[in-house]
Amino acid sequence: MTTRVALVGASGKLGTIIGDVIAHLDGFEIGAVLGSNSTMDELDGADLVVDATTPASSVEIVRAAADRGINVLVGTSGWSADRIAQMRPVIDAAGTGALFVPNFSLGSVLGTALAALAAPFFGSVEIVEAHQHTKIDSPSGTAVRTAELIAAARAEQGPVDAPHVDQRARGQQVASVPVHSLRRPGVLAKQEVILSGPGESLSIVHDTVQPAAAYAPGIRLALPYARDLRGVVVGLENVIDLGIRPRA
């Protein structure tokens, strides 16, 4: 049986990559392509909705999918834990599933997992992330997810040490972790988690060099998982077995 996908935001950078993966994935086909002038009625008849739009549009798309009893795979950035928590009752009431993926890169997911694993051993943790100047949201969804998992991993130790965060130059605190966002030309995507303790520091760096090659394996894994899901799941680390798991 072929899974019909309604792809929202197909003309964007991520949407183009997702569309190409679906076109070459057995058992899946694009049944509808939605853009900025489309209506949510165009989701009707789909077996799975894939959202690759903007933070401003994503909430409406997730709600519209739930209203129609359709599962949704959300690749749009900007979904914090608080925003996702607001959608859980909607998804649960509809009896559908929603998979939120801040980053489809397997390397990025592993980097975040390693940062969460190391976080309880270091009192100071900060994140520096860089994206192209055209990226709308900051901090990135990946940085937000990383900070939230770091905080969860440090539940027994408490918040990270973050002095002078009242000063704007110290970055934005996400789950107590200072996050510094760079938006500039000449870069695709890069995240560095810097963990520091007495006399030492550990840096975990992930670079995205070729987005299509980096994201495609994760997208292929996420599509069937999202199709069969019930309830809300956040992060690609729940779809694959990395051998280690963040504590959240």
Foldseek 3Di string as FASTA:
>chain_A
DAFEEEEEPCPDPVNVLLQVLQVPFPRYDHPHYHYPPDDLVRCPPGLEYEYADEPVCVVVNCLSCLVRLHFYEYQYKDQAPVNVVVCQVSQQVSQAEYEYALALFPLLQVLLLVLLVCLLVFQAKAKEKEAALPDDDPPIRSVLVSLVLNLLSNVVVHAHDQPPVVDVVQADARSNHHYHYHHHPPFHIKMWMWGDHPPDIDIRIDGDDDRSVRRSVSSSQVVVCRSPDTTYHYHSCVSDPPVGGRPD
